[in-house]
Amino acid sequence: MHSERLLEHFKNPHNVGQLPPPAVTIDADNPACGDMLRLAARFENGRVAEVRYQVRGCTASIAAGSALTAWMEGKTREELRALAPAVIERELDGLEPASKHAAVLCVDAVKRLLEAAPR
């Protein structure tokens, strides 16, 4: 059973959409389950100034994308580099074992975002 916090992010997702350049946009996917996450962020003075996401996937992945973007706001690159699946799980008040892939997808997306973002 999903937590109330996870269901709230699923029903009322934060930061859904796209950002125009100069935002950096990447796609990440989980080939095992087919979930796909598009993550876009604009950096200003070394911090995330704006962030958006789109996801095609399960309830947990939709909620995880929302929680991820809310968590990312104002973070530095160093803080983003330190992101671990446990952070997303905590933001959602836990994930069922079958849904833990959603947190891993978020971490993979942030890693790709940092690789693609100019310094």
N, C-alpha and C. Protein backbone atom coordinates (compact mmCIF):
# COMPACT_ATOMS: atom_id res chain seq x y z
N MET A 1 0.84 -1.18 0.00
CA MET A 1 0.00 0.00 0.00
C MET A 1 0.89 1.25 0.00
N HIS A 2 0.52 2.22 -0.81
CA HIS A 2 1.29 3.46 -0.91
C HIS A 2 1.00 4.38 0.27
N SER A 3 2.00 5.16 0.66
CA SER A 3 1.83 6.12 1.75
C SER A 3 0.93 7.27 1.31
N GLU A 4 0.38 7.97 2.28
CA GLU A 4 -0.46 9.14 1.99
C GLU A 4 0.34 10.21 1.26
N ARG A 5 1.58 10.38 1.66
CA ARG A 5 2.43 11.41 1.03
C ARG A 5 2.69 11.07 -0.43
N LEU A 6 2.96 9.79 -0.71
CA LEU A 6 3.17 9.37 -2.08
C LEU A 6 1.90 9.62 -2.89
N LEU A 7 0.76 9.24 -2.35
CA LEU A 7 -0.50 9.45 -3.07
C LEU A 7 -0.80 10.92 -3.30
N GLU A 8 -0.42 11.77 -2.36
CA GLU A 8 -0.61 13.21 -2.53
C GLU A 8 0.23 13.73 -3.70
N HIS A 9 1.50 13.29 -3.78
CA HIS A 9 2.35 13.70 -4.92
C HIS A 9 1.79 13.16 -6.23
N PHE A 10 1.22 11.97 -6.20
CA PHE A 10 0.64 11.38 -7.40
C PHE A 10 -0.60 12.16 -7.85
N LYS A 11 -1.47 12.48 -6.91
CA LYS A 11 -2.73 13.16 -7.24
C LYS A 11 -2.52 14.64 -7.57
N ASN A 12 -1.54 15.27 -6.93
CA ASN A 12 -1.27 16.69 -7.10
C ASN A 12 0.22 16.91 -7.35
N PRO A 13 0.71 16.46 -8.49
CA PRO A 13 2.15 16.55 -8.74
C PRO A 13 2.65 17.99 -8.85
N HIS A 14 3.85 18.18 -8.35
CA HIS A 14 4.52 19.48 -8.39
C HIS A 14 5.42 19.56 -9.62
N ASN A 15 5.54 20.73 -10.19
CA ASN A 15 6.55 21.03 -11.22
C ASN A 15 6.43 20.18 -12.49
N VAL A 16 5.22 19.89 -12.91
CA VAL A 16 5.02 19.12 -14.14
C VAL A 16 5.17 20.06 -15.33
N GLY A 17 5.86 19.59 -16.35
CA GLY A 17 5.97 20.38 -17.58
C GLY A 17 7.37 20.39 -18.14
N GLN A 18 7.62 21.37 -18.98
CA GLN A 18 8.90 21.51 -19.65
C GLN A 18 9.45 22.91 -19.38
N LEU A 19 10.74 23.07 -19.63
CA LEU A 19 11.38 24.38 -19.54
C LEU A 19 12.10 24.65 -20.86
N PRO A 20 12.02 25.87 -21.36
CA PRO A 20 12.73 26.21 -22.58
C PRO A 20 14.22 26.43 -22.28
N PRO A 21 15.07 26.38 -23.32
CA PRO A 21 16.47 26.72 -23.11
C PRO A 21 16.56 28.12 -22.53
N PRO A 22 17.51 28.36 -21.68
CA PRO A 22 18.76 27.63 -21.46
C PRO A 22 18.67 26.47 -20.47
N ALA A 23 17.48 26.06 -20.09
CA ALA A 23 17.37 24.89 -19.21
C ALA A 23 17.96 23.67 -19.90
N VAL A 24 18.49 22.78 -19.11
CA VAL A 24 19.03 21.51 -19.59
C VAL A 24 17.93 20.47 -19.41
N THR A 25 17.68 19.69 -20.46
CA THR A 25 16.66 18.65 -20.41
C THR A 25 17.28 17.31 -20.76
N ILE A 26 16.98 16.30 -19.96
CA ILE A 26 17.49 14.95 -20.21
C ILE A 26 16.34 13.96 -20.09
N ASP A 27 16.55 12.78 -20.65
CA ASP A 27 15.62 11.67 -20.51
C ASP A 27 16.33 10.52 -19.82
N ALA A 28 15.63 9.89 -18.92
CA ALA A 28 16.14 8.70 -18.25
C ALA A 28 15.04 7.65 -18.29
N ASP A 29 15.45 6.40 -18.39
CA ASP A 29 14.44 5.34 -18.41
C ASP A 29 14.92 4.13 -17.63
N ASN A 30 13.97 3.32 -17.29
CA ASN A 30 14.25 2.05 -16.63
C ASN A 30 13.81 0.97 -17.60
N PRO A 31 14.76 0.35 -18.31
CA PRO A 31 14.37 -0.65 -19.31
C PRO A 31 13.66 -1.86 -18.71
N ALA A 32 13.89 -2.13 -17.43
CA ALA A 32 13.26 -3.30 -16.81
C ALA A 32 11.75 -3.12 -16.68
N CYS A 33 11.31 -1.90 -16.35
CA CYS A 33 9.86 -1.69 -16.13
C CYS A 33 9.24 -0.80 -17.20
N GLY A 34 10.06 -0.09 -17.96
CA GLY A 34 9.55 0.77 -19.02
C GLY A 34 9.25 2.19 -18.60
N ASP A 35 9.44 2.54 -17.34
CA ASP A 35 9.18 3.91 -16.89
C ASP A 35 10.18 4.87 -17.54
N MET A 36 9.69 6.07 -17.88
CA MET A 36 10.53 7.09 -18.49
C MET A 36 10.33 8.41 -17.77
N LEU A 37 11.44 9.09 -17.50
CA LEU A 37 11.42 10.37 -16.80
C LEU A 37 12.19 11.40 -17.61
N ARG A 38 11.53 12.51 -17.93
CA ARG A 38 12.19 13.66 -18.56
C ARG A 38 12.35 14.71 -17.47
N LEU A 39 13.57 15.18 -17.29
CA LEU A 39 13.88 16.13 -16.23
C LEU A 39 14.54 17.36 -16.86
N ALA A 40 14.05 18.53 -16.50
CA ALA A 40 14.60 19.79 -17.01
C ALA A 40 14.90 20.71 -15.83
N ALA A 41 16.06 21.36 -15.89
CA ALA A 41 16.42 22.29 -14.82
C ALA A 41 17.19 23.47 -15.40
N ARG A 42 16.97 24.61 -14.77
CA ARG A 42 17.71 25.82 -15.10
C ARG A 42 18.52 26.19 -13.86
N PHE A 43 19.81 26.37 -14.06
CA PHE A 43 20.71 26.72 -12.97
C PHE A 43 20.99 28.22 -12.99
N GLU A 44 21.08 28.78 -11.81
CA GLU A 44 21.40 30.19 -11.66
C GLU A 44 22.29 30.33 -10.43
N ASN A 45 23.45 30.93 -10.62
CA ASN A 45 24.40 31.10 -9.51
C ASN A 45 24.72 29.77 -8.81
N GLY A 46 24.85 28.71 -9.62
CA GLY A 46 25.25 27.41 -9.09
C GLY A 46 24.15 26.63 -8.38
N ARG A 47 22.92 27.12 -8.45
CA ARG A 47 21.79 26.44 -7.79
C ARG A 47 20.66 26.19 -8.79
N VAL A 48 19.82 25.23 -8.48
CA VAL A 48 18.64 24.97 -9.31
C VAL A 48 17.66 26.10 -9.09
N ALA A 49 17.42 26.87 -10.14
CA ALA A 49 16.50 28.00 -10.05
C ALA A 49 15.09 27.59 -10.45
N GLU A 50 15.00 26.62 -11.34
CA GLU A 50 13.70 26.17 -11.83
C GLU A 50 13.85 24.72 -12.28
N VAL A 51 12.83 23.91 -12.03
CA VAL A 51 12.91 22.50 -12.40
C VAL A 51 11.52 22.00 -12.78
N ARG A 52 11.46 21.14 -13.81
CA ARG A 52 10.20 20.54 -14.27
C ARG A 52 10.46 19.07 -14.62
N TYR A 53 9.37 18.32 -14.64
CA TYR A 53 9.49 16.92 -15.03
C TYR A 53 8.25 16.46 -15.76
N GLN A 54 8.44 15.39 -16.52
CA GLN A 54 7.36 14.64 -17.15
C GLN A 54 7.73 13.18 -16.98
N VAL A 55 6.73 12.35 -16.73
CA VAL A 55 7.02 10.93 -16.54
C VAL A 55 5.94 10.09 -17.18
N ARG A 56 6.37 8.99 -17.71
CA ARG A 56 5.44 7.95 -18.16
C ARG A 56 5.80 6.72 -17.36
N GLY A 57 4.89 6.34 -16.48
CA GLY A 57 5.18 5.19 -15.65
C GLY A 57 4.12 4.95 -14.60
N CYS A 58 4.50 4.22 -13.60
CA CYS A 58 3.60 3.80 -12.54
C CYS A 58 3.33 4.94 -11.56
N THR A 59 2.42 4.69 -10.64
CA THR A 59 2.06 5.65 -9.60
C THR A 59 3.30 6.12 -8.84
N ALA A 60 4.15 5.17 -8.46
CA ALA A 60 5.34 5.52 -7.68
C ALA A 60 6.29 6.41 -8.48
N SER A 61 6.46 6.16 -9.76
CA SER A 61 7.37 6.98 -10.57
C SER A 61 6.83 8.38 -10.77
N ILE A 62 5.53 8.51 -10.94
CA ILE A 62 4.93 9.84 -11.07
C ILE A 62 5.13 10.62 -9.77
N ALA A 63 4.85 9.97 -8.65
CA ALA A 63 5.01 10.63 -7.35
C ALA A 63 6.48 10.93 -7.07
N ALA A 64 7.37 10.02 -7.43
CA ALA A 64 8.80 10.22 -7.18
C ALA A 64 9.33 11.42 -7.98
N GLY A 65 8.87 11.58 -9.21
CA GLY A 65 9.28 12.73 -10.01
C GLY A 65 8.84 14.04 -9.37
N SER A 66 7.64 14.05 -8.84
CA SER A 66 7.14 15.24 -8.15
C SER A 66 7.97 15.53 -6.90
N ALA A 67 8.21 14.51 -6.11
CA ALA A 67 9.01 14.68 -4.89
C ALA A 67 10.44 15.10 -5.23
N LEU A 68 10.99 14.53 -6.28
CA LEU A 68 12.35 14.88 -6.71
C LEU A 68 12.43 16.37 -7.05
N THR A 69 11.52 16.86 -7.86
CA THR A 69 11.62 18.25 -8.29
C THR A 69 11.41 19.21 -7.11
N ALA A 70 10.52 18.87 -6.20
CA ALA A 70 10.33 19.70 -5.01
C ALA A 70 11.61 19.72 -4.18
N TRP A 71 12.27 18.58 -4.06
CA TRP A 71 13.52 18.47 -3.30
C TRP A 71 14.64 19.25 -3.99
N MET A 72 14.68 19.24 -5.31
CA MET A 72 15.78 19.85 -6.06
C MET A 72 15.81 21.37 -5.99
N GLU A 73 14.69 22.01 -5.78
CA GLU A 73 14.62 23.46 -5.83
C GLU A 73 15.62 24.10 -4.88
N GLY A 74 16.49 24.94 -5.45
CA GLY A 74 17.49 25.66 -4.66
C GLY A 74 18.75 24.88 -4.32
N LYS A 75 18.82 23.62 -4.72
CA LYS A 75 19.98 22.80 -4.39
C LYS A 75 21.19 23.16 -5.27
N THR A 76 22.39 22.98 -4.70
CA THR A 76 23.63 23.17 -5.44
C THR A 76 23.96 21.88 -6.20
N ARG A 77 24.92 21.99 -7.09
CA ARG A 77 25.37 20.79 -7.82
C ARG A 77 25.91 19.73 -6.86
N GLU A 78 26.61 20.16 -5.82
CA GLU A 78 27.16 19.21 -4.84
C GLU A 78 26.04 18.49 -4.11
N GLU A 79 25.01 19.23 -3.74
CA GLU A 79 23.86 18.60 -3.08
C GLU A 79 23.16 17.62 -4.02
N LEU A 80 23.06 17.98 -5.29
CA LEU A 80 22.46 17.08 -6.27
C LEU A 80 23.29 15.81 -6.45
N ARG A 81 24.61 15.97 -6.48
CA ARG A 81 25.50 14.80 -6.62
C ARG A 81 25.32 13.81 -5.47
N ALA A 82 24.95 14.31 -4.31
CA ALA A 82 24.82 13.46 -3.12
C ALA A 82 23.47 12.74 -3.06
N LEU A 83 22.59 13.00 -4.02
CA LEU A 83 21.27 12.37 -4.00
C LEU A 83 21.40 10.85 -4.05
N ALA A 84 20.67 10.19 -3.19
CA ALA A 84 20.61 8.72 -3.14
C ALA A 84 19.14 8.31 -3.15
N PRO A 85 18.84 7.09 -3.57
CA PRO A 85 17.45 6.64 -3.56
C PRO A 85 16.75 6.82 -2.22
N ALA A 86 17.49 6.68 -1.14
CA ALA A 86 16.89 6.82 0.20
C ALA A 86 16.28 8.20 0.42
N VAL A 87 16.84 9.23 -0.22
CA VAL A 87 16.30 10.58 -0.09
C VAL A 87 14.90 10.64 -0.69
N ILE A 88 14.73 10.09 -1.88
CA ILE A 88 13.42 10.09 -2.53
C ILE A 88 12.44 9.25 -1.73
N GLU A 89 12.90 8.11 -1.26
CA GLU A 89 12.03 7.25 -0.45
C GLU A 89 11.56 8.01 0.80
N ARG A 90 12.46 8.74 1.42
CA ARG A 90 12.10 9.52 2.61
C ARG A 90 11.09 10.62 2.25
N GLU A 91 11.29 11.27 1.11
CA GLU A 91 10.38 12.33 0.68
C GLU A 91 8.97 11.80 0.43
N LEU A 92 8.85 10.51 0.16
CA LEU A 92 7.56 9.88 -0.12
C LEU A 92 7.04 9.07 1.07
N ASP A 93 7.71 9.17 2.19
CA ASP A 93 7.38 8.35 3.37
C ASP A 93 7.43 6.86 3.05
N GLY A 94 8.41 6.49 2.25
CA GLY A 94 8.66 5.09 1.94
C GLY A 94 8.13 4.65 0.60
N LEU A 95 8.73 3.59 0.10
CA LEU A 95 8.31 2.94 -1.14
C LEU A 95 8.23 1.44 -0.89
N GLU A 96 7.24 0.81 -1.47
CA GLU A 96 7.15 -0.63 -1.39
C GLU A 96 8.32 -1.23 -2.15
N PRO A 97 8.75 -2.45 -1.78
CA PRO A 97 9.88 -3.06 -2.48
C PRO A 97 9.71 -3.09 -4.01
N ALA A 98 8.52 -3.36 -4.49
CA ALA A 98 8.29 -3.42 -5.93
C ALA A 98 8.34 -2.04 -6.59
N SER A 99 8.35 -0.98 -5.80
CA SER A 99 8.34 0.38 -6.35
C SER A 99 9.66 1.12 -6.16
N LYS A 100 10.65 0.49 -5.58
CA LYS A 100 11.91 1.17 -5.29
C LYS A 100 12.63 1.63 -6.56
N HIS A 101 12.29 1.02 -7.69
CA HIS A 101 12.89 1.44 -8.96
C HIS A 101 12.60 2.91 -9.25
N ALA A 102 11.51 3.45 -8.74
CA ALA A 102 11.15 4.85 -8.98
C ALA A 102 12.20 5.80 -8.41
N ALA A 103 12.70 5.49 -7.23
CA ALA A 103 13.74 6.32 -6.60
C ALA A 103 15.05 6.21 -7.37
N VAL A 104 15.36 5.02 -7.84
CA VAL A 104 16.59 4.81 -8.62
C VAL A 104 16.51 5.59 -9.94
N LEU A 105 15.35 5.60 -10.56
CA LEU A 105 15.16 6.36 -11.80
C LEU A 105 15.43 7.85 -11.57
N CYS A 106 14.98 8.37 -10.44
CA CYS A 106 15.21 9.78 -10.11
C CYS A 106 16.71 10.07 -9.97
N VAL A 107 17.42 9.21 -9.28
CA VAL A 107 18.85 9.40 -9.08
C VAL A 107 19.57 9.34 -10.43
N ASP A 108 19.21 8.37 -11.26
CA ASP A 108 19.82 8.27 -12.59
C ASP A 108 19.57 9.54 -13.40
N ALA A 109 18.37 10.09 -13.31
CA ALA A 109 18.05 11.30 -14.06
C ALA A 109 18.88 12.49 -13.59
N VAL A 110 19.06 12.62 -12.30
CA VAL A 110 19.87 13.73 -11.77
C VAL A 110 21.32 13.58 -12.21
N LYS A 111 21.85 12.37 -12.20
CA LYS A 111 23.22 12.15 -12.67
C LYS A 111 23.36 12.57 -14.13
N ARG A 112 22.41 12.19 -14.96
CA ARG A 112 22.44 12.58 -16.37
C ARG A 112 22.32 14.09 -16.54
N LEU A 113 21.48 14.69 -15.73
CA LEU A 113 21.30 16.15 -15.77
C LEU A 113 22.61 16.85 -15.45
N LEU A 114 23.29 16.40 -14.43
CA LEU A 114 24.57 17.02 -14.04
C LEU A 114 25.63 16.83 -15.12
N GLU A 115 25.62 15.67 -15.78
CA GLU A 115 26.58 15.43 -16.87
C GLU A 115 26.31 16.35 -18.05
N ALA A 116 25.03 16.66 -18.30
CA ALA A 116 24.66 17.46 -19.47
C ALA A 116 24.72 18.97 -19.20
N ALA A 117 24.63 19.36 -17.95
CA ALA A 117 24.56 20.78 -17.61
C ALA A 117 25.93 21.44 -17.73
N PRO A 118 26.02 22.57 -18.43
CA PRO A 118 27.29 23.29 -18.47
C PRO A 118 27.64 23.85 -17.10
N ARG A 119 28.89 23.98 -16.84
CA ARG A 119 29.35 24.48 -15.54
C ARG A 119 29.28 25.95 -15.49
